[in-house]
N, C-alpha and C. Protein backbone atom coordinates (compact mmCIF):
# COMPACT_ATOMS: atom_id res chain seq x y z
N MET A 1 21.08 -43.46 24.01
CA MET A 1 20.90 -42.13 24.63
C MET A 1 20.32 -41.20 23.58
N SER A 2 19.33 -40.46 23.98
CA SER A 2 18.70 -39.48 23.09
C SER A 2 18.77 -38.10 23.73
N ILE A 3 19.05 -37.12 22.93
CA ILE A 3 19.15 -35.72 23.41
C ILE A 3 18.25 -34.86 22.54
N VAL A 4 17.42 -34.05 23.18
CA VAL A 4 16.51 -33.15 22.46
C VAL A 4 16.73 -31.74 22.99
N CYS A 5 16.88 -30.82 22.08
CA CYS A 5 17.05 -29.40 22.46
C CYS A 5 15.83 -28.63 21.97
N VAL A 6 15.10 -28.06 22.90
CA VAL A 6 13.90 -27.27 22.56
C VAL A 6 14.29 -25.79 22.61
N LEU A 7 14.29 -25.15 21.46
CA LEU A 7 14.66 -23.74 21.41
C LEU A 7 13.50 -22.83 21.81
N SER A 8 12.28 -23.25 21.47
CA SER A 8 11.12 -22.43 21.81
C SER A 8 9.90 -23.33 21.91
N ALA A 9 9.11 -23.13 22.96
CA ALA A 9 7.86 -23.88 23.15
C ALA A 9 6.66 -22.99 22.92
N GLU A 10 6.85 -21.94 22.15
CA GLU A 10 5.77 -20.99 21.90
C GLU A 10 4.62 -21.68 21.18
N GLY A 11 3.40 -21.59 21.76
CA GLY A 11 2.22 -22.17 21.15
C GLY A 11 1.94 -23.61 21.55
N VAL A 12 2.91 -24.31 22.17
CA VAL A 12 2.72 -25.72 22.55
C VAL A 12 3.16 -25.92 24.00
N HIS A 13 2.80 -24.98 24.88
CA HIS A 13 3.25 -25.06 26.27
C HIS A 13 2.69 -26.30 26.97
N GLN A 14 1.42 -26.60 26.71
CA GLN A 14 0.83 -27.75 27.38
C GLN A 14 1.52 -29.05 26.96
N GLU A 15 1.76 -29.22 25.66
CA GLU A 15 2.45 -30.42 25.17
C GLU A 15 3.87 -30.49 25.72
N PHE A 16 4.52 -29.30 25.78
CA PHE A 16 5.89 -29.26 26.30
C PHE A 16 5.93 -29.71 27.76
N LYS A 17 4.95 -29.23 28.55
CA LYS A 17 4.90 -29.63 29.96
C LYS A 17 4.68 -31.14 30.10
N GLN A 18 3.82 -31.69 29.25
CA GLN A 18 3.59 -33.13 29.30
C GLN A 18 4.86 -33.91 28.96
N ILE A 19 5.58 -33.43 27.95
CA ILE A 19 6.84 -34.10 27.57
C ILE A 19 7.84 -34.04 28.70
N VAL A 20 7.98 -32.86 29.33
CA VAL A 20 8.92 -32.71 30.46
C VAL A 20 8.52 -33.63 31.60
N LYS A 21 7.22 -33.68 31.89
CA LYS A 21 6.74 -34.56 32.97
C LYS A 21 7.03 -36.02 32.63
N MET A 22 6.82 -36.41 31.38
CA MET A 22 7.10 -37.78 30.97
C MET A 22 8.59 -38.10 31.08
N ALA A 23 9.44 -37.14 30.69
CA ALA A 23 10.88 -37.36 30.79
C ALA A 23 11.31 -37.53 32.25
N GLU A 24 10.73 -36.71 33.14
CA GLU A 24 11.06 -36.85 34.56
C GLU A 24 10.63 -38.22 35.10
N GLU A 25 9.44 -38.68 34.67
CA GLU A 25 8.96 -39.98 35.12
C GLU A 25 9.86 -41.11 34.60
N LEU A 26 10.27 -41.02 33.34
CA LEU A 26 11.17 -42.03 32.78
C LEU A 26 12.52 -42.00 33.48
N ARG A 27 13.00 -40.78 33.78
CA ARG A 27 14.28 -40.68 34.49
C ARG A 27 14.18 -41.30 35.89
N ARG A 28 13.05 -41.05 36.55
CA ARG A 28 12.86 -41.63 37.87
C ARG A 28 12.82 -43.15 37.80
N GLN A 29 12.11 -43.66 36.79
CA GLN A 29 12.06 -45.12 36.64
C GLN A 29 13.44 -45.70 36.35
N TRP A 30 14.20 -44.97 35.54
CA TRP A 30 15.56 -45.46 35.21
C TRP A 30 16.43 -45.49 36.46
N VAL A 31 16.29 -44.40 37.27
CA VAL A 31 17.07 -44.36 38.51
C VAL A 31 16.66 -45.49 39.44
N MET A 32 15.33 -45.74 39.52
CA MET A 32 14.87 -46.81 40.37
C MET A 32 15.40 -48.16 39.91
N ARG A 33 15.43 -48.39 38.59
CA ARG A 33 15.96 -49.64 38.07
C ARG A 33 17.46 -49.79 38.39
N ARG A 34 18.19 -48.68 38.21
CA ARG A 34 19.62 -48.72 38.50
C ARG A 34 19.86 -48.99 39.98
N MET A 35 19.06 -48.31 40.81
CA MET A 35 19.22 -48.52 42.24
C MET A 35 18.80 -49.94 42.63
N ALA A 36 17.79 -50.48 41.96
CA ALA A 36 17.36 -51.85 42.25
C ALA A 36 18.46 -52.83 41.88
N LEU A 37 19.14 -52.58 40.77
CA LEU A 37 20.26 -53.44 40.39
C LEU A 37 21.38 -53.35 41.43
N GLY A 38 21.60 -52.14 41.94
CA GLY A 38 22.62 -51.99 42.97
C GLY A 38 22.24 -52.71 44.25
N VAL A 39 20.96 -52.67 44.60
CA VAL A 39 20.49 -53.37 45.80
C VAL A 39 20.68 -54.87 45.64
N GLU A 40 20.35 -55.37 44.45
CA GLU A 40 20.53 -56.81 44.21
C GLU A 40 21.99 -57.22 44.34
N GLU A 41 22.88 -56.36 43.82
CA GLU A 41 24.30 -56.67 43.93
C GLU A 41 24.75 -56.66 45.38
N VAL A 42 24.25 -55.67 46.14
CA VAL A 42 24.63 -55.59 47.56
C VAL A 42 24.11 -56.81 48.32
N LEU A 43 22.84 -57.15 48.03
CA LEU A 43 22.28 -58.31 48.70
C LEU A 43 23.01 -59.60 48.33
N ALA A 44 23.40 -59.67 47.05
CA ALA A 44 24.11 -60.88 46.60
C ALA A 44 25.47 -60.99 47.27
N GLN A 45 26.13 -59.88 47.53
CA GLN A 45 27.46 -59.89 48.13
C GLN A 45 27.41 -59.88 49.65
N GLY A 46 26.21 -59.63 50.27
CA GLY A 46 26.09 -59.56 51.72
C GLY A 46 26.84 -58.40 52.28
N ASP A 47 26.83 -57.23 51.59
CA ASP A 47 27.58 -56.05 52.02
C ASP A 47 26.95 -55.44 53.25
N VAL A 48 27.60 -54.45 53.85
CA VAL A 48 27.12 -53.79 55.06
C VAL A 48 26.67 -52.39 54.72
N ASP A 49 25.92 -51.82 55.64
CA ASP A 49 25.48 -50.43 55.47
C ASP A 49 26.66 -49.51 55.69
N PRO A 50 27.02 -48.66 54.72
CA PRO A 50 28.18 -47.80 54.89
C PRO A 50 28.00 -46.79 55.98
N LYS A 51 26.77 -46.48 56.38
CA LYS A 51 26.58 -45.46 57.42
C LYS A 51 26.76 -46.05 58.81
N SER A 52 26.18 -47.20 59.03
CA SER A 52 26.23 -47.77 60.39
C SER A 52 27.49 -48.58 60.63
N GLY A 53 27.96 -49.21 59.59
CA GLY A 53 29.15 -50.04 59.75
C GLY A 53 28.83 -51.40 60.32
N ASP A 54 27.53 -51.74 60.58
CA ASP A 54 27.11 -53.03 61.15
C ASP A 54 26.55 -53.90 60.06
N ASP A 55 26.60 -55.21 60.29
CA ASP A 55 25.97 -56.12 59.35
C ASP A 55 24.47 -55.95 59.44
N MET A 56 23.83 -56.00 58.29
CA MET A 56 22.38 -55.77 58.24
C MET A 56 21.73 -56.94 57.54
N ASP A 57 20.48 -57.15 57.86
CA ASP A 57 19.68 -58.14 57.18
C ASP A 57 19.44 -57.67 55.75
N PRO A 58 19.46 -58.58 54.77
CA PRO A 58 19.27 -58.16 53.38
C PRO A 58 17.98 -57.38 53.18
N SER A 59 16.89 -57.81 53.85
CA SER A 59 15.63 -57.08 53.69
C SER A 59 15.75 -55.68 54.26
N GLU A 60 16.43 -55.54 55.42
CA GLU A 60 16.63 -54.22 56.02
C GLU A 60 17.52 -53.36 55.14
N ALA A 61 18.59 -54.01 54.56
CA ALA A 61 19.47 -53.24 53.68
C ALA A 61 18.71 -52.75 52.47
N SER A 62 17.84 -53.64 51.92
CA SER A 62 17.05 -53.23 50.75
C SER A 62 16.11 -52.10 51.11
N GLU A 63 15.49 -52.18 52.28
CA GLU A 63 14.57 -51.12 52.69
C GLU A 63 15.30 -49.81 52.89
N THR A 64 16.49 -49.86 53.50
CA THR A 64 17.26 -48.63 53.73
C THR A 64 17.67 -47.99 52.42
N ILE A 65 18.12 -48.79 51.47
CA ILE A 65 18.54 -48.23 50.17
C ILE A 65 17.34 -47.66 49.44
N ASN A 66 16.20 -48.38 49.53
CA ASN A 66 14.99 -47.85 48.89
C ASN A 66 14.58 -46.52 49.51
N GLU A 67 14.71 -46.41 50.82
CA GLU A 67 14.39 -45.14 51.48
C GLU A 67 15.31 -44.03 50.99
N ARG A 68 16.61 -44.38 50.86
CA ARG A 68 17.54 -43.37 50.34
C ARG A 68 17.15 -42.94 48.93
N VAL A 69 16.83 -43.96 48.11
CA VAL A 69 16.46 -43.63 46.73
C VAL A 69 15.22 -42.76 46.71
N LEU A 70 14.21 -43.16 47.48
CA LEU A 70 12.98 -42.37 47.51
C LEU A 70 13.22 -40.96 48.06
N ARG A 71 14.05 -40.88 49.12
CA ARG A 71 14.35 -39.56 49.67
C ARG A 71 15.10 -38.70 48.67
N HIS A 72 16.06 -39.34 47.99
CA HIS A 72 16.82 -38.61 46.97
C HIS A 72 15.91 -38.14 45.84
N LEU A 73 15.02 -39.04 45.39
CA LEU A 73 14.09 -38.65 44.33
C LEU A 73 13.14 -37.56 44.80
N GLU A 74 12.69 -37.67 46.05
CA GLU A 74 11.79 -36.64 46.57
C GLU A 74 12.50 -35.30 46.67
N GLU A 75 13.78 -35.35 47.15
CA GLU A 75 14.54 -34.09 47.21
C GLU A 75 14.75 -33.51 45.82
N GLN A 76 15.04 -34.42 44.89
CA GLN A 76 15.22 -33.94 43.52
C GLN A 76 13.93 -33.36 42.97
N ARG A 77 12.82 -34.04 43.28
CA ARG A 77 11.52 -33.52 42.82
C ARG A 77 11.21 -32.16 43.43
N LEU A 78 11.46 -32.04 44.74
CA LEU A 78 11.21 -30.75 45.39
C LEU A 78 12.12 -29.66 44.84
N ALA A 79 13.40 -30.04 44.58
CA ALA A 79 14.33 -29.06 44.01
C ALA A 79 13.85 -28.63 42.62
N ASP A 80 13.38 -29.63 41.82
CA ASP A 80 12.87 -29.28 40.49
C ASP A 80 11.63 -28.40 40.59
N GLU A 81 10.77 -28.71 41.56
CA GLU A 81 9.57 -27.88 41.74
C GLU A 81 9.95 -26.46 42.16
N ARG A 82 10.92 -26.36 43.08
CA ARG A 82 11.37 -25.02 43.48
C ARG A 82 11.97 -24.27 42.29
N ARG A 83 12.78 -25.01 41.52
CA ARG A 83 13.39 -24.35 40.36
C ARG A 83 12.32 -23.90 39.37
N ARG A 84 11.34 -24.78 39.11
CA ARG A 84 10.28 -24.39 38.19
C ARG A 84 9.45 -23.24 38.75
N ALA A 85 9.22 -23.27 40.08
CA ALA A 85 8.47 -22.17 40.69
C ALA A 85 9.23 -20.86 40.57
N GLU A 86 10.55 -20.92 40.81
CA GLU A 86 11.37 -19.71 40.67
C GLU A 86 11.36 -19.21 39.23
N GLU A 87 11.50 -20.18 38.29
CA GLU A 87 11.47 -19.78 36.88
C GLU A 87 10.12 -19.19 36.51
N LYS A 88 9.04 -19.81 37.06
CA LYS A 88 7.71 -19.27 36.78
C LYS A 88 7.55 -17.87 37.37
N GLU A 89 8.02 -17.66 38.60
CA GLU A 89 7.96 -16.33 39.20
C GLU A 89 8.75 -15.33 38.38
N LYS A 90 9.92 -15.78 37.92
CA LYS A 90 10.74 -14.89 37.10
C LYS A 90 10.03 -14.54 35.79
N ARG A 91 9.44 -15.58 35.16
CA ARG A 91 8.72 -15.32 33.92
C ARG A 91 7.52 -14.42 34.17
N ASP A 92 6.80 -14.69 35.29
CA ASP A 92 5.64 -13.85 35.61
C ASP A 92 6.07 -12.40 35.86
N ALA A 93 7.20 -12.25 36.57
CA ALA A 93 7.69 -10.89 36.82
C ALA A 93 8.08 -10.21 35.52
N GLU A 94 8.75 -10.97 34.63
CA GLU A 94 9.13 -10.39 33.34
C GLU A 94 7.89 -10.04 32.52
N ARG A 95 6.89 -10.95 32.56
CA ARG A 95 5.65 -10.64 31.83
C ARG A 95 4.96 -9.41 32.41
N ALA A 96 4.95 -9.32 33.76
CA ALA A 96 4.33 -8.16 34.39
C ALA A 96 5.06 -6.87 34.01
N LEU A 97 6.41 -6.94 34.01
CA LEU A 97 7.17 -5.76 33.60
C LEU A 97 6.91 -5.41 32.14
N GLU A 98 6.87 -6.45 31.29
CA GLU A 98 6.61 -6.20 29.88
C GLU A 98 5.21 -5.63 29.67
N LYS A 99 4.25 -6.20 30.44
CA LYS A 99 2.88 -5.69 30.35
C LYS A 99 2.80 -4.25 30.82
N ALA A 100 3.48 -3.94 31.92
CA ALA A 100 3.49 -2.57 32.43
C ALA A 100 4.16 -1.63 31.43
N ARG A 101 5.26 -2.11 30.81
CA ARG A 101 5.96 -1.28 29.82
C ARG A 101 5.06 -1.00 28.62
N LYS A 102 4.38 -2.06 28.13
CA LYS A 102 3.49 -1.86 26.99
C LYS A 102 2.32 -0.95 27.35
N ALA A 103 1.80 -1.13 28.59
CA ALA A 103 0.70 -0.26 29.02
C ALA A 103 1.16 1.20 29.08
N ALA A 104 2.38 1.40 29.61
CA ALA A 104 2.92 2.77 29.66
C ALA A 104 3.10 3.33 28.25
N GLU A 105 3.60 2.50 27.34
CA GLU A 105 3.76 2.95 25.96
C GLU A 105 2.42 3.29 25.33
N ARG A 106 1.41 2.43 25.61
CA ARG A 106 0.08 2.73 25.07
C ARG A 106 -0.46 4.04 25.63
N ARG A 107 -0.25 4.25 26.95
CA ARG A 107 -0.72 5.51 27.54
C ARG A 107 -0.01 6.71 26.91
N VAL A 108 1.30 6.57 26.70
CA VAL A 108 2.05 7.67 26.08
C VAL A 108 1.53 7.94 24.67
N LYS A 109 1.30 6.86 23.90
CA LYS A 109 0.79 7.03 22.54
C LYS A 109 -0.60 7.64 22.54
N GLN A 110 -1.44 7.20 23.50
CA GLN A 110 -2.78 7.78 23.59
C GLN A 110 -2.71 9.27 23.93
N GLU A 111 -1.82 9.61 24.87
CA GLU A 111 -1.66 11.03 25.21
C GLU A 111 -1.15 11.82 24.01
N GLU A 112 -0.21 11.22 23.26
CA GLU A 112 0.30 11.91 22.08
C GLU A 112 -0.81 12.09 21.04
N ARG A 113 -1.62 11.03 20.85
CA ARG A 113 -2.73 11.15 19.89
C ARG A 113 -3.74 12.21 20.36
N ARG A 114 -4.04 12.20 21.70
CA ARG A 114 -4.97 13.21 22.21
C ARG A 114 -4.42 14.61 22.00
N ALA A 115 -3.12 14.78 22.30
CA ALA A 115 -2.50 16.10 22.13
C ALA A 115 -2.51 16.52 20.67
N ALA A 116 -2.19 15.56 19.77
CA ALA A 116 -2.19 15.88 18.33
C ALA A 116 -3.60 16.22 17.86
N LEU A 117 -4.60 15.45 18.33
CA LEU A 117 -5.98 15.73 17.95
C LEU A 117 -6.44 17.09 18.48
N LYS A 118 -6.06 17.39 19.73
CA LYS A 118 -6.43 18.68 20.31
C LYS A 118 -5.77 19.82 19.54
N GLU A 119 -4.50 19.65 19.20
CA GLU A 119 -3.80 20.68 18.43
C GLU A 119 -4.43 20.84 17.05
N GLN A 120 -4.82 19.72 16.43
CA GLN A 120 -5.46 19.78 15.12
C GLN A 120 -6.78 20.54 15.21
N LYS A 121 -7.57 20.22 16.25
CA LYS A 121 -8.85 20.91 16.41
C LYS A 121 -8.65 22.40 16.66
N GLU A 122 -7.64 22.72 17.50
CA GLU A 122 -7.37 24.13 17.75
C GLU A 122 -6.92 24.84 16.48
N GLU A 123 -6.10 24.16 15.68
CA GLU A 123 -5.65 24.75 14.42
C GLU A 123 -6.84 24.96 13.48
N GLU A 124 -7.75 23.98 13.42
CA GLU A 124 -8.93 24.14 12.57
C GLU A 124 -9.81 25.28 13.08
N ALA A 125 -9.93 25.39 14.41
CA ALA A 125 -10.72 26.49 14.96
C ALA A 125 -10.09 27.84 14.63
N ARG A 126 -8.73 27.90 14.74
CA ARG A 126 -8.05 29.15 14.38
C ARG A 126 -8.25 29.49 12.91
N LYS A 127 -8.19 28.47 12.04
CA LYS A 127 -8.40 28.72 10.62
C LYS A 127 -9.82 29.21 10.35
N GLU A 128 -10.80 28.58 11.03
CA GLU A 128 -12.18 29.02 10.85
C GLU A 128 -12.36 30.46 11.32
N GLN A 129 -11.76 30.79 12.48
CA GLN A 129 -11.85 32.17 12.97
C GLN A 129 -11.19 33.14 12.00
N GLU A 130 -10.03 32.73 11.45
CA GLU A 130 -9.33 33.59 10.49
C GLU A 130 -10.17 33.78 9.23
N GLU A 131 -10.81 32.69 8.76
CA GLU A 131 -11.66 32.79 7.58
C GLU A 131 -12.85 33.70 7.85
N GLU A 132 -13.46 33.55 9.04
CA GLU A 132 -14.57 34.42 9.39
C GLU A 132 -14.14 35.87 9.45
N ARG A 133 -12.96 36.10 10.04
CA ARG A 133 -12.46 37.48 10.12
C ARG A 133 -12.23 38.06 8.73
N LEU A 134 -11.62 37.26 7.85
CA LEU A 134 -11.38 37.74 6.48
C LEU A 134 -12.70 38.00 5.75
N LYS A 135 -13.70 37.12 5.97
CA LYS A 135 -15.00 37.33 5.35
C LYS A 135 -15.63 38.62 5.85
N ASP A 136 -15.55 38.83 7.18
CA ASP A 136 -16.13 40.06 7.75
C ASP A 136 -15.43 41.29 7.19
N GLU A 137 -14.10 41.22 7.11
CA GLU A 137 -13.35 42.36 6.56
C GLU A 137 -13.72 42.61 5.11
N ALA A 138 -13.84 41.49 4.33
CA ALA A 138 -14.21 41.64 2.93
C ALA A 138 -15.61 42.23 2.79
N GLU A 139 -16.54 41.75 3.64
CA GLU A 139 -17.90 42.28 3.60
C GLU A 139 -17.93 43.76 3.99
N ALA A 140 -17.16 44.12 5.02
CA ALA A 140 -17.09 45.53 5.43
C ALA A 140 -16.48 46.38 4.31
N GLU A 141 -15.44 45.86 3.67
CA GLU A 141 -14.82 46.60 2.56
C GLU A 141 -15.79 46.76 1.40
N ARG A 142 -16.56 45.66 1.13
CA ARG A 142 -17.54 45.74 0.04
C ARG A 142 -18.62 46.78 0.35
N ARG A 143 -19.11 46.76 1.62
CA ARG A 143 -20.12 47.76 2.00
C ARG A 143 -19.55 49.17 1.90
N LYS A 144 -18.30 49.32 2.31
CA LYS A 144 -17.68 50.65 2.25
C LYS A 144 -17.57 51.12 0.81
N ILE A 145 -17.13 50.23 -0.07
CA ILE A 145 -17.01 50.59 -1.49
C ILE A 145 -18.39 50.92 -2.06
N ALA A 146 -19.42 50.12 -1.68
CA ALA A 146 -20.77 50.39 -2.17
C ALA A 146 -21.26 51.74 -1.67
N GLU A 147 -20.97 52.06 -0.40
CA GLU A 147 -21.37 53.36 0.13
C GLU A 147 -20.68 54.50 -0.60
N VAL A 148 -19.39 54.32 -0.87
CA VAL A 148 -18.64 55.37 -1.59
C VAL A 148 -19.22 55.55 -3.00
N LYS A 149 -19.49 54.40 -3.67
CA LYS A 149 -20.05 54.49 -5.03
C LYS A 149 -21.42 55.15 -5.01
N GLU A 150 -22.23 54.78 -3.98
CA GLU A 150 -23.55 55.39 -3.89
C GLU A 150 -23.44 56.89 -3.64
N ALA A 151 -22.48 57.28 -2.78
CA ALA A 151 -22.28 58.71 -2.52
C ALA A 151 -21.83 59.42 -3.79
N GLU A 152 -20.91 58.80 -4.52
CA GLU A 152 -20.46 59.41 -5.79
C GLU A 152 -21.61 59.52 -6.78
N ARG A 153 -22.46 58.45 -6.81
CA ARG A 153 -23.60 58.49 -7.74
C ARG A 153 -24.57 59.61 -7.35
N GLN A 154 -24.80 59.77 -6.05
CA GLN A 154 -25.68 60.85 -5.60
C GLN A 154 -25.09 62.22 -5.94
N VAL A 155 -23.77 62.33 -5.78
CA VAL A 155 -23.12 63.60 -6.13
C VAL A 155 -23.27 63.88 -7.61
N LEU A 156 -23.07 62.83 -8.45
CA LEU A 156 -23.22 63.02 -9.89
C LEU A 156 -24.65 63.37 -10.26
N ILE A 157 -25.62 62.71 -9.57
CA ILE A 157 -27.03 63.02 -9.84
C ILE A 157 -27.32 64.47 -9.45
N GLU A 158 -26.80 64.88 -8.30
CA GLU A 158 -27.02 66.27 -7.87
C GLU A 158 -26.38 67.26 -8.83
N LYS A 159 -25.16 66.93 -9.26
CA LYS A 159 -24.49 67.81 -10.23
C LYS A 159 -25.27 67.88 -11.54
N ALA A 160 -25.76 66.72 -11.99
CA ALA A 160 -26.54 66.71 -13.23
C ALA A 160 -27.81 67.54 -13.09
N ARG A 161 -28.47 67.39 -11.90
CA ARG A 161 -29.69 68.17 -11.67
C ARG A 161 -29.39 69.66 -11.67
N GLN A 162 -28.30 70.01 -10.95
CA GLN A 162 -27.93 71.43 -10.93
C GLN A 162 -27.57 71.93 -12.32
N GLU A 163 -26.85 71.09 -13.07
CA GLU A 163 -26.47 71.50 -14.43
C GLU A 163 -27.70 71.65 -15.31
N LYS A 164 -28.68 70.76 -15.14
CA LYS A 164 -29.92 70.85 -15.90
C LYS A 164 -30.69 72.11 -15.54
N GLU A 165 -30.75 72.39 -14.22
CA GLU A 165 -31.45 73.61 -13.80
C GLU A 165 -30.74 74.85 -14.32
N ARG A 166 -29.40 74.80 -14.31
CA ARG A 166 -28.64 75.96 -14.81
C ARG A 166 -28.91 76.18 -16.30
N LYS A 167 -28.90 75.08 -17.04
CA LYS A 167 -29.16 75.21 -18.47
C LYS A 167 -30.58 75.67 -18.73
N ALA A 168 -31.53 75.17 -17.94
CA ALA A 168 -32.91 75.62 -18.12
C ALA A 168 -33.04 77.11 -17.81
N GLU A 169 -32.34 77.53 -16.75
CA GLU A 169 -32.37 78.96 -16.40
C GLU A 169 -31.74 79.80 -17.50
N GLU A 170 -30.63 79.30 -18.02
CA GLU A 170 -29.99 80.02 -19.13
C GLU A 170 -30.89 80.08 -20.35
N GLU A 171 -31.60 78.95 -20.60
CA GLU A 171 -32.51 78.94 -21.74
C GLU A 171 -33.65 79.92 -21.55
N ARG A 172 -34.17 80.01 -20.33
CA ARG A 172 -35.24 80.98 -20.06
C ARG A 172 -34.73 82.42 -20.26
N LYS A 173 -33.53 82.66 -19.73
CA LYS A 173 -32.97 84.01 -19.89
C LYS A 173 -32.75 84.34 -21.37
N ARG A 174 -32.26 83.33 -22.12
CA ARG A 174 -32.01 83.58 -23.55
C ARG A 174 -33.31 83.87 -24.27
N ILE A 175 -34.35 83.11 -23.95
CA ILE A 175 -35.65 83.33 -24.59
C ILE A 175 -36.21 84.70 -24.22
N ALA A 176 -36.02 85.06 -22.93
CA ALA A 176 -36.51 86.37 -22.50
C ALA A 176 -35.76 87.49 -23.21
N GLU A 177 -34.47 87.30 -23.36
CA GLU A 177 -33.69 88.32 -24.08
C GLU A 177 -34.10 88.41 -25.54
N MET A 178 -34.35 87.24 -26.14
CA MET A 178 -34.79 87.24 -27.53
C MET A 178 -36.14 87.93 -27.68
N ASP A 179 -37.02 87.66 -26.72
CA ASP A 179 -38.33 88.32 -26.76
C ASP A 179 -38.19 89.83 -26.60
N ALA A 180 -37.31 90.22 -25.69
CA ALA A 180 -37.12 91.66 -25.48
C ALA A 180 -36.55 92.32 -26.73
N LYS A 181 -35.57 91.64 -27.36
CA LYS A 181 -34.97 92.19 -28.59
C LYS A 181 -35.99 92.25 -29.71
N ALA A 182 -36.83 91.22 -29.80
CA ALA A 182 -37.85 91.21 -30.86
C ALA A 182 -38.87 92.32 -30.64
N ALA A 183 -39.24 92.54 -29.39
CA ALA A 183 -40.21 93.59 -29.08
C ALA A 183 -39.63 94.95 -29.39
N ALA A 184 -38.36 95.15 -29.08
CA ALA A 184 -37.72 96.45 -29.35
C ALA A 184 -37.61 96.68 -30.84
N ALA A 185 -37.30 95.59 -31.56
CA ALA A 185 -37.16 95.73 -33.00
C ALA A 185 -38.49 96.01 -33.67
N ALA A 186 -39.58 95.56 -33.14
CA ALA A 186 -40.89 95.78 -33.73
C ALA A 186 -41.39 97.21 -33.52
N GLY A 187 -40.82 97.96 -32.61
CA GLY A 187 -41.20 99.34 -32.33
C GLY A 187 -42.57 99.48 -31.76
N ILE A 188 -42.94 98.66 -30.94
CA ILE A 188 -44.26 98.71 -30.31
C ILE A 188 -44.29 99.89 -29.38
N GLY A 189 -45.39 100.77 -29.49
CA GLY A 189 -45.52 101.96 -28.67
C GLY A 189 -46.21 101.67 -27.37
N ASP A 190 -46.41 102.85 -26.72
CA ASP A 190 -47.08 102.71 -25.43
C ASP A 190 -48.56 102.41 -25.58
N GLU A 191 -49.12 102.87 -26.79
CA GLU A 191 -50.54 102.66 -26.97
C GLU A 191 -50.89 101.20 -27.12
N ASP A 192 -49.97 100.46 -27.58
CA ASP A 192 -50.25 99.04 -27.78
C ASP A 192 -49.81 98.18 -26.61
N SER A 193 -49.29 98.85 -25.64
CA SER A 193 -48.75 98.08 -24.53
C SER A 193 -49.85 97.38 -23.74
N SER A 194 -51.05 97.99 -23.75
CA SER A 194 -52.14 97.35 -23.00
C SER A 194 -52.55 96.04 -23.64
N ASP A 195 -52.55 96.08 -25.03
CA ASP A 195 -52.93 94.85 -25.72
C ASP A 195 -51.86 93.77 -25.55
N ASP A 196 -50.61 94.22 -25.60
CA ASP A 196 -49.53 93.23 -25.46
C ASP A 196 -49.47 92.61 -24.07
N ASP A 197 -50.00 93.37 -23.12
CA ASP A 197 -49.95 92.83 -21.76
C ASP A 197 -50.82 91.59 -21.63
N ASN A 198 -51.85 91.52 -22.49
CA ASN A 198 -52.74 90.37 -22.42
C ASN A 198 -52.23 89.18 -23.18
N LEU A 199 -51.16 89.40 -23.98
CA LEU A 199 -50.63 88.30 -24.78
C LEU A 199 -49.67 87.45 -23.95
N PRO A 200 -49.50 86.17 -24.34
CA PRO A 200 -48.53 85.31 -23.61
C PRO A 200 -47.11 85.81 -23.78
N ALA A 201 -46.25 85.39 -22.85
CA ALA A 201 -44.84 85.82 -22.92
C ALA A 201 -44.21 85.27 -24.18
N GLY A 202 -43.49 86.15 -24.91
CA GLY A 202 -42.82 85.73 -26.14
C GLY A 202 -43.70 85.76 -27.36
N PHE A 203 -44.98 86.17 -27.19
CA PHE A 203 -45.89 86.20 -28.34
C PHE A 203 -45.91 87.63 -28.90
N ASN A 204 -45.77 87.75 -30.21
CA ASN A 204 -45.74 89.05 -30.88
C ASN A 204 -46.85 89.07 -31.93
N ALA A 205 -47.80 90.01 -31.74
CA ALA A 205 -48.95 90.06 -32.65
C ALA A 205 -48.56 90.57 -34.01
N ASP A 206 -47.42 91.25 -34.16
CA ASP A 206 -47.03 91.77 -35.48
C ASP A 206 -46.62 90.67 -36.42
N PHE A 207 -46.34 89.51 -35.89
CA PHE A 207 -45.95 88.42 -36.78
C PHE A 207 -47.12 87.83 -37.53
N PHE A 208 -48.36 88.19 -37.11
CA PHE A 208 -49.54 87.59 -37.68
C PHE A 208 -50.30 88.60 -38.50
């Protein structure tokens, strides 16, 4: 007697099916041999059919037993086929459920990735908008500072111009006063006033 326990047929399903089919065929042959030995014993003893209770011809008894054996084997084969079909349906259903579960998980992961990617893009867009806003504010502040500096520079230029004009006016007044004082000190009369009128401003003929 040999006993084999298969824990997993992963990767060798075809070979496993062949082995199972071979084992079933050997089992059927063994049963047929055992039943044939039983038929020979019955024929040798001239036994009767247990169902009918009548004496039977050995050939008829052998045929009846063979029919029983064949019917039993056929029933067993059909039962095994039904069992394998049920197991296959069960496995197919489990595979379908597992496939559906994995598909659902993949869809969930894809949706999560899409949501994460969308959120990332929105965050990048918000950052770009914030950077643009800060750049615009900085540029506006720079222009404002430049305008203020330019206005201050213009004010300083205007003040300098006014101060220069004031100093020039003061210098003219001082020169005029000096000329007037020099003329008074020279004692120039009215008779010479006609000649002095032809002279340039600030020029005194008495110095020459």
